Amino acid sequence: MRPNSDDDEDPFDSGFGGIEDLLAGMTGGDEAPVDVHEYDDEVRVVADLPETTPEDVEIRCDGRTVAIYAAVEPRPFVTRVDLPAYVDDQSGERNLNNGILEVTFDRDTDPANIGFQ
């Protein structure tokens, strides 16, 4: 189809104008700022989650990745962080104080390291 030279409007403007908003809504929420600190015996994840309560926050860990979900309005915070080392996913301790979430995990050995030399 040839464009109409008399029409200065973009023919796709109305159909794709809100695509960024649509895609942003599909991720489930805004991403929170997160820092990861690695120490000899632990890994600490620190996230900025303003206006949240401990009941609003859900944390999941598989030993190598941490997912943080905070159900706050108008949009929830969603964060997924790859950890710099393997951690014991059952050792997580969390503290939420004035909108700053700290989650501390004990370091663990690489599960793929089964002792062959």
Protein backbone atom coordinates (compact mmCIF):
# COMPACT_ATOMS: atom_id res chain seq x y z
CA MET A 1 0.00 0.00 0.00
CA ARG A 2 1.39 3.40 -0.97
CA PRO A 3 1.43 6.17 1.62
CA ASN A 4 -0.89 9.07 1.02
CA SER A 5 1.29 12.13 0.38
CA ASP A 6 -1.54 14.48 1.38
CA ASP A 7 -1.65 13.00 4.88
CA ASP A 8 1.19 14.08 7.19
CA GLU A 9 0.04 11.76 10.01
CA ASP A 10 1.95 8.62 10.81
CA PRO A 11 -0.42 5.75 9.90
CA PHE A 12 1.00 3.62 12.76
CA ASP A 13 0.90 6.32 15.41
CA SER A 14 -2.47 5.41 16.90
CA GLY A 15 -1.87 1.66 16.86
CA PHE A 16 1.51 1.53 18.56
CA GLY A 17 1.57 4.68 20.67
CA GLY A 18 1.14 2.93 24.04
CA ILE A 19 3.29 -0.16 23.46
CA GLU A 20 5.83 0.86 26.12
CA ASP A 21 3.09 1.16 28.74
CA LEU A 22 1.62 -2.18 27.71
CA LEU A 23 4.97 -3.97 27.95
CA ALA A 24 5.78 -2.32 31.28
CA GLY A 25 2.48 -3.60 32.68
CA MET A 26 3.28 -7.14 31.60
CA THR A 27 6.36 -7.34 33.82
CA GLY A 28 4.16 -7.11 36.88
CA GLY A 29 5.62 -4.02 38.48
CA ASP A 30 8.46 -1.60 38.93
CA GLU A 31 11.95 -2.85 39.63
CA ALA A 32 13.36 -1.81 42.98
CA PRO A 33 16.96 -0.59 43.42
CA VAL A 34 19.02 -3.48 44.83
CA ASP A 35 22.60 -3.87 46.09
CA VAL A 36 24.32 -7.19 46.71
CA HIS A 37 27.20 -7.47 49.17
CA GLU A 38 29.42 -10.56 49.29
CA TYR A 39 31.34 -11.46 52.44
CA ASP A 40 33.45 -14.48 53.46
CA ASP A 41 30.58 -16.33 55.13
CA GLU A 42 27.43 -14.62 53.85
CA VAL A 43 25.73 -12.78 51.00
CA ARG A 44 23.53 -9.77 51.80
CA VAL A 45 20.87 -8.33 49.49
CA VAL A 46 19.70 -4.78 50.24
CA ALA A 47 16.63 -3.34 48.48
CA ASP A 48 14.94 0.05 48.70
CA LEU A 49 11.22 -0.65 49.19
CA PRO A 50 9.56 2.54 50.41
CA GLU A 51 6.15 2.40 52.05
CA THR A 52 6.19 -1.37 52.58
CA THR A 53 5.46 -3.49 55.62
CA PRO A 54 6.85 -6.96 56.34
CA GLU A 55 3.47 -8.43 55.34
CA ASP A 56 3.79 -6.82 51.87
CA VAL A 57 7.10 -8.53 51.05
CA GLU A 58 7.61 -12.01 49.63
CA ILE A 59 11.11 -13.41 49.10
CA ARG A 60 12.11 -16.55 47.21
CA CYS A 61 15.57 -18.01 46.75
CA ASP A 62 16.82 -21.04 44.84
CA GLY A 63 20.42 -20.87 46.07
CA ARG A 64 21.68 -18.77 43.17
CA THR A 65 18.91 -16.22 42.52
CA VAL A 66 16.72 -14.12 44.83
CA ALA A 67 13.29 -12.85 43.81
CA ILE A 68 11.69 -10.07 45.86
CA TYR A 69 8.04 -9.07 45.45
CA ALA A 70 6.48 -6.21 47.42
CA ALA A 71 2.74 -5.69 47.06
CA VAL A 72 2.38 -1.91 47.25
CA GLU A 73 0.07 0.46 45.42
CA PRO A 74 -0.17 1.74 42.76
CA ARG A 75 2.26 -0.83 41.30
CA PRO A 76 4.14 -3.62 43.04
CA PHE A 77 7.92 -3.80 43.19
CA VAL A 78 9.45 -6.83 41.51
CA THR A 79 13.15 -7.65 41.61
CA ARG A 80 15.14 -10.69 40.56
CA VAL A 81 18.84 -10.74 41.44
CA ASP A 82 21.56 -13.21 40.47
CA LEU A 83 23.79 -13.78 43.49
CA PRO A 84 27.60 -13.69 43.19
CA ALA A 85 27.94 -17.00 45.09
CA TYR A 86 25.81 -19.99 46.00
CA VAL A 87 23.85 -19.58 49.23
CA ASP A 88 21.88 -21.83 51.55
CA ASP A 89 18.36 -20.88 50.47
CA GLN A 90 16.91 -22.00 53.83
CA SER A 91 19.21 -19.71 55.83
CA GLY A 92 17.63 -16.42 54.74
CA GLU A 93 17.05 -13.85 57.43
CA ARG A 94 15.27 -10.63 56.56
CA ASN A 95 14.95 -7.25 58.20
CA LEU A 96 12.74 -4.40 56.94
CA ASN A 97 13.42 -1.04 58.56
CA ASN A 98 12.14 2.31 57.23
CA GLY A 99 11.70 0.92 53.70
CA ILE A 100 15.13 -0.72 53.53
CA LEU A 101 14.99 -4.50 53.17
CA GLU A 102 18.08 -6.53 54.11
CA VAL A 103 18.15 -10.26 53.41
CA THR A 104 21.17 -12.23 54.59
CA PHE A 105 22.04 -15.75 53.41
CA ASP A 106 24.82 -18.08 54.55
CA ARG A 107 27.24 -18.95 51.77
CA ASP A 108 27.08 -22.50 50.45
CA THR A 109 29.26 -24.60 48.20
CA ASP A 110 28.61 -24.97 44.50
CA PRO A 111 26.23 -27.97 44.17
CA ALA A 112 28.00 -28.97 40.95
CA ASN A 113 31.24 -29.44 42.90
CA ILE A 114 30.90 -33.09 43.93
CA GLY A 115 34.50 -33.65 44.91
CA PHE A 116 36.17 -35.03 41.78
CA GLN A 117 39.79 -34.04 41.36
